[in-house]
Amino acid sequence: MASRNQKDMRRPDLIIPYQEPAPRGDSVDINSTLSSTLPMAAIFMRNRYMGWAAVVFSVQGWLGESEDAQKSSSTPGYFSVGMSLMSLAVTYLPIFLPPQAGPQGGSATGAAAPAPA
């Protein structure tokens, strides 16, 4: 009851409206960096876990893009998603299309079988 009887000490002339701070131009977007480098690393290393991580990061980055990020970005978000899906397909490619054997009957990656004497 005592709080109702007290006078309101807030002054409307001292109210300062909130202004959103300007974004820093030197900030590095780590999500964009990961979504562009992880697919390449997955392709080169043929690592399926990196391929799945690339898909997750690129979808997350695509869904979280702001309008300002879309304007300033060099590649659109769906391009990163497509690149990561392609890297995932490349990592799973040897399962569906196994490497062909060489002319001596060896595998394409291993040493050839010894020739009979």
PDB file of N, CA and C in Angstrom:
ATOM      1  N   MET A   1       0.802  -1.197   0.000  1.00  0.00           N
ATOM      2  CA  MET A   1       0.000   0.000   0.000  1.00  0.00           C
ATOM      3  C   MET A   1       0.847   1.264   0.000  1.00  0.00           C
ATOM      4  N   ALA A   2       2.016   1.161   0.542  1.00  0.00           N
ATOM      5  CA  ALA A   2       2.856   2.348   0.623  1.00  0.00           C
ATOM      6  C   ALA A   2       3.381   2.750  -0.750  1.00  0.00           C
ATOM      7  N   SER A   3       3.559   1.756  -1.648  1.00  0.00           N
ATOM      8  CA  SER A   3       4.092   2.087  -2.968  1.00  0.00           C
ATOM      9  C   SER A   3       3.083   2.864  -3.805  1.00  0.00           C
ATOM     10  N   ARG A   4       1.809   2.675  -3.544  1.00  0.00           N
ATOM     11  CA  ARG A   4       0.790   3.415  -4.302  1.00  0.00           C
ATOM     12  C   ARG A   4       0.748   4.879  -3.892  1.00  0.00           C
ATOM     13  N   ASN A   5       1.047   5.119  -2.676  1.00  0.00           N
ATOM     14  CA  ASN A   5       0.968   6.481  -2.163  1.00  0.00           C
ATOM     15  C   ASN A   5       2.201   7.305  -2.532  1.00  0.00           C
ATOM     16  N   GLN A   6       3.301   6.644  -2.902  1.00  0.00           N
ATOM     17  CA  GLN A   6       4.506   7.395  -3.231  1.00  0.00           C
ATOM     18  C   GLN A   6       4.375   8.031  -4.604  1.00  0.00           C
ATOM     19  N   LYS A   7       5.086   9.121  -4.757  1.00  0.00           N
ATOM     20  CA  LYS A   7       5.050   9.855  -6.020  1.00  0.00           C
ATOM     21  C   LYS A   7       5.976   9.162  -7.029  1.00  0.00           C
ATOM     22  N   ASP A   8       5.550   9.096  -8.288  1.00  0.00           N
ATOM     23  CA  ASP A   8       6.366   8.481  -9.342  1.00  0.00           C
ATOM     24  C   ASP A   8       7.519   9.437  -9.665  1.00  0.00           C
ATOM     25  N   MET A   9       8.772   8.936  -9.469  1.00  0.00           N
ATOM     26  CA  MET A   9       9.941   9.783  -9.637  1.00  0.00           C
ATOM     27  C   MET A   9      10.517   9.736 -11.055  1.00  0.00           C
ATOM     28  N   ARG A  10       9.921   8.955 -11.932  1.00  0.00           N
ATOM     29  CA  ARG A  10      10.432   8.888 -13.303  1.00  0.00           C
ATOM     30  C   ARG A  10      10.056  10.148 -14.068  1.00  0.00           C
ATOM     31  N   ARG A  11      11.029  10.635 -14.857  1.00  0.00           N
ATOM     32  CA  ARG A  11      10.784  11.843 -15.637  1.00  0.00           C
ATOM     33  C   ARG A  11      10.775  11.489 -17.118  1.00  0.00           C
ATOM     34  N   PRO A  12       9.696  11.799 -17.820  1.00  0.00           N
ATOM     35  CA  PRO A  12       9.613  11.460 -19.241  1.00  0.00           C
ATOM     36  C   PRO A  12      10.657  12.171 -20.103  1.00  0.00           C
ATOM     37  N   ASP A  13      11.143  13.314 -19.676  1.00  0.00           N
ATOM     38  CA  ASP A  13      12.131  14.021 -20.484  1.00  0.00           C
ATOM     39  C   ASP A  13      13.520  13.375 -20.428  1.00  0.00           C
ATOM     40  N   LEU A  14      13.744  12.442 -19.483  1.00  0.00           N
ATOM     41  CA  LEU A  14      15.031  11.757 -19.372  1.00  0.00           C
ATOM     42  C   LEU A  14      15.045  10.395 -20.058  1.00  0.00           C
ATOM     43  N   ILE A  15      13.940  10.009 -20.666  1.00  0.00           N
ATOM     44  CA  ILE A  15      13.857   8.714 -21.336  1.00  0.00           C
ATOM     45  C   ILE A  15      14.654   8.773 -22.634  1.00  0.00           C
ATOM     46  N   ILE A  16      15.553   7.814 -22.805  1.00  0.00           N
ATOM     47  CA  ILE A  16      16.356   7.720 -24.022  1.00  0.00           C
ATOM     48  C   ILE A  16      15.890   6.484 -24.782  1.00  0.00           C
ATOM     49  N   PRO A  17      15.409   6.650 -26.021  1.00  0.00           N
ATOM     50  CA  PRO A  17      14.936   5.472 -26.767  1.00  0.00           C
ATOM     51  C   PRO A  17      16.118   4.574 -27.160  1.00  0.00           C
ATOM     52  N   TYR A  18      15.835   3.286 -27.264  1.00  0.00           N
ATOM     53  CA  TYR A  18      16.867   2.312 -27.632  1.00  0.00           C
ATOM     54  C   TYR A  18      17.200   2.426 -29.106  1.00  0.00           C
ATOM     55  N   GLN A  19      18.502   2.429 -29.395  1.00  0.00           N
ATOM     56  CA  GLN A  19      18.974   2.431 -30.778  1.00  0.00           C
ATOM     57  C   GLN A  19      19.890   1.229 -30.941  1.00  0.00           C
ATOM     58  N   GLU A  20      19.556   0.421 -31.912  1.00  0.00           N
ATOM     59  CA  GLU A  20      20.366  -0.769 -32.152  1.00  0.00           C
ATOM     60  C   GLU A  20      21.739  -0.352 -32.661  1.00  0.00           C
ATOM     61  N   PRO A  21      22.813  -0.929 -32.088  1.00  0.00           N
ATOM     62  CA  PRO A  21      24.149  -0.529 -32.546  1.00  0.00           C
ATOM     63  C   PRO A  21      24.402  -0.995 -33.972  1.00  0.00           C
ATOM     64  N   ALA A  22      25.210  -0.229 -34.685  1.00  0.00           N
ATOM     65  CA  ALA A  22      25.533  -0.570 -36.062  1.00  0.00           C
ATOM     66  C   ALA A  22      26.407  -1.822 -36.088  1.00  0.00           C
ATOM     67  N   PRO A  23      26.176  -2.734 -37.035  1.00  0.00           N
ATOM     68  CA  PRO A  23      26.994  -3.947 -37.094  1.00  0.00           C
ATOM     69  C   PRO A  23      28.427  -3.614 -37.481  1.00  0.00           C
ATOM     70  N   ARG A  24      29.338  -4.378 -36.906  1.00  0.00           N
ATOM     71  CA  ARG A  24      30.745  -4.172 -37.228  1.00  0.00           C
ATOM     72  C   ARG A  24      31.038  -4.766 -38.594  1.00  0.00           C
ATOM     73  N   GLY A  25      31.796  -4.068 -39.390  1.00  0.00           N
ATOM     74  CA  GLY A  25      32.115  -4.524 -40.732  1.00  0.00           C
ATOM     75  C   GLY A  25      33.228  -5.548 -40.763  1.00  0.00           C
ATOM     76  N   ASP A  26      34.034  -5.633 -39.697  1.00  0.00           N
ATOM     77  CA  ASP A  26      35.177  -6.535 -39.701  1.00  0.00           C
ATOM     78  C   ASP A  26      34.865  -7.900 -39.095  1.00  0.00           C
ATOM     79  N   SER A  27      33.614  -8.143 -38.745  1.00  0.00           N
ATOM     80  CA  SER A  27      33.278  -9.434 -38.140  1.00  0.00           C
ATOM     81  C   SER A  27      33.309 -10.533 -39.212  1.00  0.00           C
ATOM     82  N   VAL A  28      33.847 -11.673 -38.840  1.00  0.00           N
ATOM     83  CA  VAL A  28      33.961 -12.806 -39.752  1.00  0.00           C
ATOM     84  C   VAL A  28      32.816 -13.763 -39.474  1.00  0.00           C
ATOM     85  N   ASP A  29      32.124 -14.159 -40.509  1.00  0.00           N
ATOM     86  CA  ASP A  29      31.013 -15.084 -40.355  1.00  0.00           C
ATOM     87  C   ASP A  29      31.573 -16.506 -40.383  1.00  0.00           C
ATOM     88  N   ILE A  30      31.698 -17.117 -39.209  1.00  0.00           N
ATOM     89  CA  ILE A  30      32.305 -18.449 -39.116  1.00  0.00           C
ATOM     90  C   ILE A  30      31.397 -19.502 -39.745  1.00  0.00           C
ATOM     91  N   ASN A  31      30.101 -19.305 -39.686  1.00  0.00           N
ATOM     92  CA  ASN A  31      29.187 -20.275 -40.281  1.00  0.00           C
ATOM     93  C   ASN A  31      29.346 -20.317 -41.795  1.00  0.00           C
ATOM     94  N   SER A  32      29.533 -19.168 -42.407  1.00  0.00           N
ATOM     95  CA  SER A  32      29.752 -19.127 -43.852  1.00  0.00           C
ATOM     96  C   SER A  32      31.068 -19.797 -44.221  1.00  0.00           C
ATOM     97  N   THR A  33      32.077 -19.592 -43.405  1.00  0.00           N
ATOM     98  CA  THR A  33      33.371 -20.213 -43.660  1.00  0.00           C
ATOM     99  C   THR A  33      33.269 -21.728 -43.552  1.00  0.00           C
ATOM    100  N   LEU A  34      32.594 -22.210 -42.517  1.00  0.00           N
ATOM    101  CA  LEU A  34      32.444 -23.664 -42.350  1.00  0.00           C
ATOM    102  C   LEU A  34      31.606 -24.280 -43.456  1.00  0.00           C
ATOM    103  N   SER A  35      30.540 -23.589 -43.856  1.00  0.00           N
ATOM    104  CA  SER A  35      29.666 -24.181 -44.875  1.00  0.00           C
ATOM    105  C   SER A  35      30.299 -24.182 -46.255  1.00  0.00           C
ATOM    106  N   SER A  36      31.387 -23.428 -46.446  1.00  0.00           N
ATOM    107  CA  SER A  36      32.060 -23.469 -47.741  1.00  0.00           C
ATOM    108  C   SER A  36      33.310 -24.348 -47.732  1.00  0.00           C
ATOM    109  N   THR A  37      33.954 -24.519 -46.592  1.00  0.00           N
ATOM    110  CA  THR A  37      35.181 -25.325 -46.550  1.00  0.00           C
ATOM    111  C   THR A  37      34.942 -26.779 -46.177  1.00  0.00           C
ATOM    112  N   LEU A  38      33.935 -27.057 -45.371  1.00  0.00           N
ATOM    113  CA  LEU A  38      33.677 -28.453 -44.978  1.00  0.00           C
ATOM    114  C   LEU A  38      33.318 -29.356 -46.155  1.00  0.00           C
ATOM    115  N   PRO A  39      32.508 -28.921 -47.125  1.00  0.00           N
ATOM    116  CA  PRO A  39      32.246 -29.814 -48.262  1.00  0.00           C
ATOM    117  C   PRO A  39      33.511 -30.162 -49.047  1.00  0.00           C
ATOM    118  N   MET A  40      34.391 -29.186 -49.215  1.00  0.00           N
ATOM    119  CA  MET A  40      35.632 -29.473 -49.942  1.00  0.00           C
ATOM    120  C   MET A  40      36.510 -30.447 -49.176  1.00  0.00           C
ATOM    121  N   ALA A  41      36.583 -30.270 -47.852  1.00  0.00           N
ATOM    122  CA  ALA A  41      37.384 -31.181 -47.041  1.00  0.00           C
ATOM    123  C   ALA A  41      36.790 -32.588 -47.071  1.00  0.00           C
ATOM    124  N   ALA A  42      35.469 -32.685 -47.066  1.00  0.00           N
ATOM    125  CA  ALA A  42      34.821 -34.004 -47.116  1.00  0.00           C
ATOM    126  C   ALA A  42      35.091 -34.694 -48.452  1.00  0.00           C
ATOM    127  N   ILE A  43      35.108 -33.936 -49.536  1.00  0.00           N
ATOM    128  CA  ILE A  43      35.386 -34.526 -50.850  1.00  0.00           C
ATOM    129  C   ILE A  43      36.826 -35.001 -50.927  1.00  0.00           C
ATOM    130  N   PHE A  44      37.759 -34.177 -50.477  1.00  0.00           N
ATOM    131  CA  PHE A  44      39.164 -34.539 -50.578  1.00  0.00           C
ATOM    132  C   PHE A  44      39.531 -35.712 -49.673  1.00  0.00           C
ATOM    133  N   MET A  45      38.946 -35.752 -48.488  1.00  0.00           N
ATOM    134  CA  MET A  45      39.297 -36.802 -47.523  1.00  0.00           C
ATOM    135  C   MET A  45      38.382 -38.020 -47.611  1.00  0.00           C
ATOM    136  N   ARG A  46      37.310 -37.911 -48.363  1.00  0.00           N
ATOM    137  CA  ARG A  46      36.303 -38.968 -48.455  1.00  0.00           C
ATOM    138  C   ARG A  46      35.808 -39.357 -47.061  1.00  0.00           C
ATOM    139  N   ASN A  47      35.567 -38.361 -46.246  1.00  0.00           N
ATOM    140  CA  ASN A  47      35.139 -38.560 -44.868  1.00  0.00           C
ATOM    141  C   ASN A  47      33.638 -38.277 -44.785  1.00  0.00           C
ATOM    142  N   ARG A  48      32.868 -39.304 -44.453  1.00  0.00           N
ATOM    143  CA  ARG A  48      31.406 -39.163 -44.410  1.00  0.00           C
ATOM    144  C   ARG A  48      30.947 -38.278 -43.261  1.00  0.00           C
ATOM    145  N   TYR A  49      31.666 -38.322 -42.133  1.00  0.00           N
ATOM    146  CA  TYR A  49      31.273 -37.496 -40.995  1.00  0.00           C
ATOM    147  C   TYR A  49      31.432 -36.013 -41.323  1.00  0.00           C
ATOM    148  N   MET A  50      32.473 -35.681 -42.044  1.00  0.00           N
ATOM    149  CA  MET A  50      32.640 -34.284 -42.477  1.00  0.00           C
ATOM    150  C   MET A  50      31.540 -33.893 -43.458  1.00  0.00           C
ATOM    151  N   GLY A  51      31.132 -34.832 -44.304  1.00  0.00           N
ATOM    152  CA  GLY A  51      30.047 -34.552 -45.242  1.00  0.00           C
ATOM    153  C   GLY A  51      28.743 -34.261 -44.529  1.00  0.00           C
ATOM    154  N   TRP A  52      28.422 -35.050 -43.513  1.00  0.00           N
ATOM    155  CA  TRP A  52      27.204 -34.808 -42.744  1.00  0.00           C
ATOM    156  C   TRP A  52      27.294 -33.497 -41.966  1.00  0.00           C
ATOM    157  N   ALA A  53      28.465 -33.201 -41.413  1.00  0.00           N
ATOM    158  CA  ALA A  53      28.647 -31.922 -40.714  1.00  0.00           C
ATOM    159  C   ALA A  53      28.480 -30.759 -41.684  1.00  0.00           C
ATOM    160  N   ALA A  54      28.964 -30.920 -42.908  1.00  0.00           N
ATOM    161  CA  ALA A  54      28.800 -29.869 -43.916  1.00  0.00           C
ATOM    162  C   ALA A  54      27.331 -29.642 -44.233  1.00  0.00           C
ATOM    163  N   VAL A  55      26.565 -30.718 -44.330  1.00  0.00           N
ATOM    164  CA  VAL A  55      25.125 -30.580 -44.598  1.00  0.00           C
ATOM    165  C   VAL A  55      24.436 -29.847 -43.451  1.00  0.00           C
ATOM    166  N   VAL A  56      24.750 -30.240 -42.230  1.00  0.00           N
ATOM    167  CA  VAL A  56      24.104 -29.616 -41.066  1.00  0.00           C
ATOM    168  C   VAL A  56      24.453 -28.130 -40.990  1.00  0.00           C
ATOM    169  N   PHE A  57      25.738 -27.793 -41.138  1.00  0.00           N
ATOM    170  CA  PHE A  57      26.145 -26.389 -41.048  1.00  0.00           C
ATOM    171  C   PHE A  57      25.549 -25.550 -42.175  1.00  0.00           C
ATOM    172  N   SER A  58      25.507 -26.097 -43.368  1.00  0.00           N
ATOM    173  CA  SER A  58      24.993 -25.299 -44.486  1.00  0.00           C
ATOM    174  C   SER A  58      23.482 -25.102 -44.387  1.00  0.00           C
ATOM    175  N   VAL A  59      22.743 -26.122 -43.963  1.00  0.00           N
ATOM    176  CA  VAL A  59      21.290 -25.954 -43.778  1.00  0.00           C
ATOM    177  C   VAL A  59      21.021 -24.966 -42.658  1.00  0.00           C
ATOM    178  N   GLN A  60      21.795 -25.077 -41.584  1.00  0.00           N
ATOM    179  CA  GLN A  60      21.630 -24.149 -40.468  1.00  0.00           C
ATOM    180  C   GLN A  60      21.936 -22.717 -40.901  1.00  0.00           C
ATOM    181  N   GLY A  61      22.974 -22.545 -41.688  1.00  0.00           N
ATOM    182  CA  GLY A  61      23.305 -21.206 -42.168  1.00  0.00           C
ATOM    183  C   GLY A  61      22.282 -20.663 -43.135  1.00  0.00           C
ATOM    184  N   TRP A  62      21.741 -21.539 -43.978  1.00  0.00           N
ATOM    185  CA  TRP A  62      20.723 -21.110 -44.944  1.00  0.00           C
ATOM    186  C   TRP A  62      19.441 -20.681 -44.237  1.00  0.00           C
ATOM    187  N   LEU A  63      19.026 -21.448 -43.236  1.00  0.00           N
ATOM    188  CA  LEU A  63      17.795 -21.106 -42.523  1.00  0.00           C
ATOM    189  C   LEU A  63      17.964 -19.886 -41.629  1.00  0.00           C
ATOM    190  N   GLY A  64      19.183 -19.608 -41.200  1.00  0.00           N
ATOM    191  CA  GLY A  64      19.422 -18.485 -40.306  1.00  0.00           C
ATOM    192  C   GLY A  64      19.887 -17.221 -40.997  1.00  0.00           C
ATOM    193  N   GLU A  65      19.837 -17.181 -42.327  1.00  0.00           N
ATOM    194  CA  GLU A  65      20.283 -15.995 -43.056  1.00  0.00           C
ATOM    195  C   GLU A  65      19.335 -14.823 -42.828  1.00  0.00           C
ATOM    196  N   SER A  66      19.913 -13.676 -42.558  1.00  0.00           N
ATOM    197  CA  SER A  66      19.101 -12.466 -42.467  1.00  0.00           C
ATOM    198  C   SER A  66      19.076 -11.784 -43.832  1.00  0.00           C
ATOM    199  N   GLU A  67      18.259 -10.765 -43.962  1.00  0.00           N
ATOM    200  CA  GLU A  67      18.174 -10.051 -45.238  1.00  0.00           C
ATOM    201  C   GLU A  67      19.481  -9.334 -45.554  1.00  0.00           C
ATOM    202  N   ASP A  68      20.128  -8.799 -44.516  1.00  0.00           N
ATOM    203  CA  ASP A  68      21.406  -8.124 -44.731  1.00  0.00           C
ATOM    204  C   ASP A  68      22.475  -9.110 -45.165  1.00  0.00           C
ATOM    205  N   ALA A  69      22.448 -10.312 -44.581  1.00  0.00           N
ATOM    206  CA  ALA A  69      23.428 -11.325 -44.954  1.00  0.00           C
ATOM    207  C   ALA A  69      23.197 -11.797 -46.385  1.00  0.00           C
ATOM    208  N   GLN A  70      21.956 -11.868 -46.808  1.00  0.00           N
ATOM    209  CA  GLN A  70      21.660 -12.272 -48.186  1.00  0.00           C
ATOM    210  C   GLN A  70      22.179 -11.243 -49.179  1.00  0.00           C
ATOM    211  N   LYS A  71      22.104  -9.978 -48.815  1.00  0.00           N
ATOM    212  CA  LYS A  71      22.568  -8.925 -49.722  1.00  0.00           C
ATOM    213  C   LYS A  71      24.091  -8.882 -49.795  1.00  0.00           C
ATOM    214  N   SER A  72      24.754  -9.103 -48.673  1.00  0.00           N
ATOM    215  CA  SER A  72      26.206  -8.966 -48.648  1.00  0.00           C
ATOM    216  C   SER A  72      26.944 -10.271 -48.943  1.00  0.00           C
ATOM    217  N   SER A  73      26.247 -11.385 -48.978  1.00  0.00           N
ATOM    218  CA  SER A  73      26.894 -12.669 -49.200  1.00  0.00           C
ATOM    219  C   SER A  73      27.263 -12.843 -50.664  1.00  0.00           C
ATOM    220  N   SER A  74      28.414 -13.504 -50.893  1.00  0.00           N
ATOM    221  CA  SER A  74      28.843 -13.727 -52.274  1.00  0.00           C
ATOM    222  C   SER A  74      28.118 -14.918 -52.902  1.00  0.00           C
ATOM    223  N   THR A  75      27.737 -15.899 -52.084  1.00  0.00           N
ATOM    224  CA  THR A  75      26.997 -17.055 -52.593  1.00  0.00           C
ATOM    225  C   THR A  75      25.702 -17.202 -51.805  1.00  0.00           C
ATOM    226  N   PRO A  76      24.624 -17.566 -52.457  1.00  0.00           N
ATOM    227  CA  PRO A  76      23.366 -17.751 -51.727  1.00  0.00           C
ATOM    228  C   PRO A  76      23.404 -18.997 -50.850  1.00  0.00           C
ATOM    229  N   GLY A  77      22.522 -19.061 -49.874  1.00  0.00           N
ATOM    230  CA  GLY A  77      22.502 -20.165 -48.923  1.00  0.00           C
ATOM    231  C   GLY A  77      22.192 -21.503 -49.566  1.00  0.00           C
ATOM    232  N   TYR A  78      21.309 -21.503 -50.554  1.00  0.00           N
ATOM    233  CA  TYR A  78      20.965 -22.779 -51.180  1.00  0.00           C
ATOM    234  C   TYR A  78      22.134 -23.343 -51.988  1.00  0.00           C
ATOM    235  N   PHE A  79      23.055 -22.487 -52.424  1.00  0.00           N
ATOM    236  CA  PHE A  79      24.242 -22.983 -53.117  1.00  0.00           C
ATOM    237  C   PHE A  79      25.134 -23.763 -52.155  1.00  0.00           C
ATOM    238  N   SER A  80      25.270 -23.279 -50.924  1.00  0.00           N
ATOM    239  CA  SER A  80      26.053 -23.992 -49.909  1.00  0.00           C
ATOM    240  C   SER A  80      25.416 -25.335 -49.577  1.00  0.00           C
ATOM    241  N   VAL A  81      24.093 -25.364 -49.509  1.00  0.00           N
ATOM    242  CA  VAL A  81      23.390 -26.623 -49.238  1.00  0.00           C
ATOM    243  C   VAL A  81      23.618 -27.606 -50.388  1.00  0.00           C
ATOM    244  N   GLY A  82      23.527 -27.136 -51.611  1.00  0.00           N
ATOM    245  CA  GLY A  82      23.774 -28.005 -52.764  1.00  0.00           C
ATOM    246  C   GLY A  82      25.190 -28.532 -52.797  1.00  0.00           C
ATOM    247  N   MET A  83      26.142 -27.687 -52.477  1.00  0.00           N
ATOM    248  CA  MET A  83      27.547 -28.119 -52.447  1.00  0.00           C
ATOM    249  C   MET A  83      27.769 -29.167 -51.367  1.00  0.00           C
ATOM    250  N   SER A  84      27.156 -28.993 -50.214  1.00  0.00           N
ATOM    251  CA  SER A  84      27.340 -29.967 -49.140  1.00  0.00           C
ATOM    252  C   SER A  84      26.649 -31.289 -49.475  1.00  0.00           C
ATOM    253  N   LEU A  85      25.493 -31.233 -50.137  1.00  0.00           N
ATOM    254  CA  LEU A  85      24.838 -32.476 -50.550  1.00  0.00           C
ATOM    255  C   LEU A  85      25.653 -33.202 -51.617  1.00  0.00           C
ATOM    256  N   MET A  86      26.292 -32.432 -52.493  1.00  0.00           N
ATOM    257  CA  MET A  86      27.157 -33.042 -53.487  1.00  0.00           C
ATOM    258  C   MET A  86      28.371 -33.702 -52.822  1.00  0.00           C
ATOM    259  N   SER A  87      28.929 -33.054 -51.811  1.00  0.00           N
ATOM    260  CA  SER A  87      30.072 -33.655 -51.114  1.00  0.00           C
ATOM    261  C   SER A  87      29.655 -34.930 -50.393  1.00  0.00           C
ATOM    262  N   LEU A  88      28.454 -34.943 -49.850  1.00  0.00           N
ATOM    263  CA  LEU A  88      27.957 -36.152 -49.191  1.00  0.00           C
ATOM    264  C   LEU A  88      27.755 -37.264 -50.210  1.00  0.00           C
ATOM    265  N   ALA A  89      27.260 -36.931 -51.393  1.00  0.00           N
ATOM    266  CA  ALA A  89      27.091 -37.941 -52.445  1.00  0.00           C
ATOM    267  C   ALA A  89      28.439 -38.494 -52.898  1.00  0.00           C
ATOM    268  N   VAL A  90      29.445 -37.637 -52.973  1.00  0.00           N
ATOM    269  CA  VAL A  90      30.774 -38.101 -53.384  1.00  0.00           C
ATOM    270  C   VAL A  90      31.371 -39.041 -52.349  1.00  0.00           C
ATOM    271  N   THR A  91      31.127 -38.776 -51.065  1.00  0.00           N
ATOM    272  CA  THR A  91      31.687 -39.655 -50.040  1.00  0.00           C
ATOM    273  C   THR A  91      31.008 -41.019 -50.035  1.00  0.00           C
ATOM    274  N   TYR A  92      29.731 -41.082 -50.416  1.00  0.00           N
ATOM    275  CA  TYR A  92      29.025 -42.360 -50.460  1.00  0.00           C
ATOM    276  C   TYR A  92      29.108 -43.040 -51.828  1.00  0.00           C
ATOM    277  N   LEU A  93      29.724 -42.399 -52.804  1.00  0.00           N
ATOM    278  CA  LEU A  93      29.797 -42.941 -54.151  1.00  0.00           C
ATOM    279  C   LEU A  93      30.489 -44.301 -54.238  1.00  0.00           C
ATOM    280  N   PRO A  94      31.596 -44.555 -53.517  1.00  0.00           N
ATOM    281  CA  PRO A  94      32.238 -45.871 -53.624  1.00  0.00           C
ATOM    282  C   PRO A  94      31.365 -47.043 -53.167  1.00  0.00           C
ATOM    283  N   ILE A  95      30.340 -46.776 -52.376  1.00  0.00           N
ATOM    284  CA  ILE A  95      29.439 -47.859 -51.959  1.00  0.00           C
ATOM    285  C   ILE A  95      28.596 -48.321 -53.142  1.00  0.00           C
ATOM    286  N   PHE A  96      28.104 -47.368 -53.920  1.00  0.00           N
ATOM    287  CA  PHE A  96      27.208 -47.693 -55.025  1.00  0.00           C
ATOM    288  C   PHE A  96      27.951 -47.976 -56.326  1.00  0.00           C
ATOM    289  N   LEU A  97      29.088 -47.359 -56.518  1.00  0.00           N
ATOM    290  CA  LEU A  97      29.916 -47.594 -57.699  1.00  0.00           C
ATOM    291  C   LEU A  97      31.320 -47.965 -57.222  1.00  0.00           C
ATOM    292  N   PRO A  98      31.547 -49.242 -56.917  1.00  0.00           N
ATOM    293  CA  PRO A  98      32.874 -49.607 -56.413  1.00  0.00           C
ATOM    294  C   PRO A  98      33.941 -49.377 -57.477  1.00  0.00           C
ATOM    295  N   PRO A  99      35.192 -49.119 -57.038  1.00  0.00           N
ATOM    296  CA  PRO A  99      36.256 -48.892 -58.013  1.00  0.00           C
ATOM    297  C   PRO A  99      36.487 -50.131 -58.870  1.00  0.00           C
ATOM    298  N   GLN A 100      36.781 -49.908 -60.146  1.00  0.00           N
ATOM    299  CA  GLN A 100      37.010 -51.016 -61.073  1.00  0.00           C
ATOM    300  C   GLN A 100      38.402 -51.601 -60.861  1.00  0.00           C
ATOM    301  N   ALA A 101      38.533 -52.889 -61.132  1.00  0.00           N
ATOM    302  CA  ALA A 101      39.829 -53.552 -61.025  1.00  0.00           C
ATOM    303  C   ALA A 101      40.684 -53.153 -62.224  1.00  0.00           C
ATOM    304  N   GLY A 102      41.985 -53.119 -62.012  1.00  0.00           N
ATOM    305  CA  GLY A 102      42.924 -52.764 -63.071  1.00  0.00           C
ATOM    306  C   GLY A 102      43.079 -53.897 -64.077  1.00  0.00           C
ATOM    307  N   PRO A 103      43.933 -53.751 -65.106  1.00  0.00           N
ATOM    308  CA  PRO A 103      44.096 -54.783 -66.138  1.00  0.00           C
ATOM    309  C   PRO A 103      44.710 -56.077 -65.597  1.00  0.00           C
ATOM    310  N   GLN A 104      45.496 -55.998 -64.519  1.00  0.00           N
ATOM    311  CA  GLN A 104      46.092 -57.201 -63.956  1.00  0.00           C
ATOM    312  C   GLN A 104      45.194 -57.859 -62.912  1.00  0.00           C
ATOM    313  N   GLY A 105      44.037 -57.318 -62.663  1.00  0.00           N
ATOM    314  CA  GLY A 105      43.114 -57.912 -61.708  1.00  0.00           C
ATOM    315  C   GLY A 105      43.234 -57.312 -60.321  1.00  0.00           C
ATOM    316  N   GLY A 106      44.151 -56.405 -60.103  1.00  0.00           N
ATOM    317  CA  GLY A 106      44.279 -55.753 -58.806  1.00  0.00           C
ATOM    318  C   GLY A 106      43.254 -54.639 -58.651  1.00  0.00           C
ATOM    319  N   SER A 107      43.199 -54.108 -57.488  1.00  0.00           N
ATOM    320  CA  SER A 107      42.269 -52.991 -57.275  1.00  0.00           C
ATOM    321  C   SER A 107      42.891 -51.711 -57.800  1.00  0.00           C
ATOM    322  N   ALA A 108      42.093 -50.709 -57.937  1.00  0.00           N
ATOM    323  CA  ALA A 108      42.570 -49.445 -58.487  1.00  0.00           C
ATOM    324  C   ALA A 108      43.463 -48.708 -57.493  1.00  0.00           C
ATOM    325  N   THR A 109      43.337 -49.019 -56.196  1.00  0.00           N
ATOM    326  CA  THR A 109      44.116 -48.295 -55.207  1.00  0.00           C
ATOM    327  C   THR A 109      45.273 -49.109 -54.659  1.00  0.00           C
ATOM    328  N   GLY A 110      45.221 -50.411 -54.765  1.00  0.00           N
ATOM    329  CA  GLY A 110      46.269 -51.250 -54.188  1.00  0.00           C
ATOM    330  C   GLY A 110      47.274 -51.697 -55.243  1.00  0.00           C
ATOM    331  N   ALA A 111      48.262 -52.466 -54.796  1.00  0.00           N
ATOM    332  CA  ALA A 111      49.262 -52.985 -55.710  1.00  0.00           C
ATOM    333  C   ALA A 111      48.676 -54.127 -56.533  1.00  0.00           C
ATOM    334  N   ALA A 112      49.195 -54.317 -57.720  1.00  0.00           N
ATOM    335  CA  ALA A 112      48.718 -55.390 -58.594  1.00  0.00           C
ATOM    336  C   ALA A 112      49.170 -56.745 -58.058  1.00  0.00           C
ATOM    337  N   ALA A 113      48.409 -57.759 -58.406  1.00  0.00           N
ATOM    338  CA  ALA A 113      48.751 -59.118 -57.964  1.00  0.00           C
ATOM    339  C   ALA A 113      50.022 -59.578 -58.700  1.00  0.00           C
ATOM    340  N   PRO A 114      50.844 -60.404 -58.045  1.00  0.00           N
ATOM    341  CA  PRO A 114      52.063 -60.863 -58.717  1.00  0.00           C
ATOM    342  C   PRO A 114      51.734 -61.725 -59.918  1.00  0.00           C
ATOM    343  N   ALA A 115      52.499 -61.564 -60.987  1.00  0.00           N
ATOM    344  CA  ALA A 115      52.284 -62.334 -62.215  1.00  0.00           C
ATOM    345  C   ALA A 115      52.830 -63.743 -62.025  1.00  0.00           C
ATOM    346  N   PRO A 116      52.172 -64.791 -62.580  1.00  0.00           N
ATOM    347  CA  PRO A 116      52.672 -66.160 -62.450  1.00  0.00           C
ATOM    348  C   PRO A 116      53.973 -66.328 -63.239  1.00  0.00           C
ATOM    349  N   ALA A 117      54.846 -67.178 -62.708  1.00  0.00           N
ATOM    350  CA  ALA A 117      56.165 -67.374 -63.346  1.00  0.00           C
ATOM    351  C   ALA A 117      56.127 -68.303 -64.521  1.00  0.00           C
TER     352      ALA A 117
END
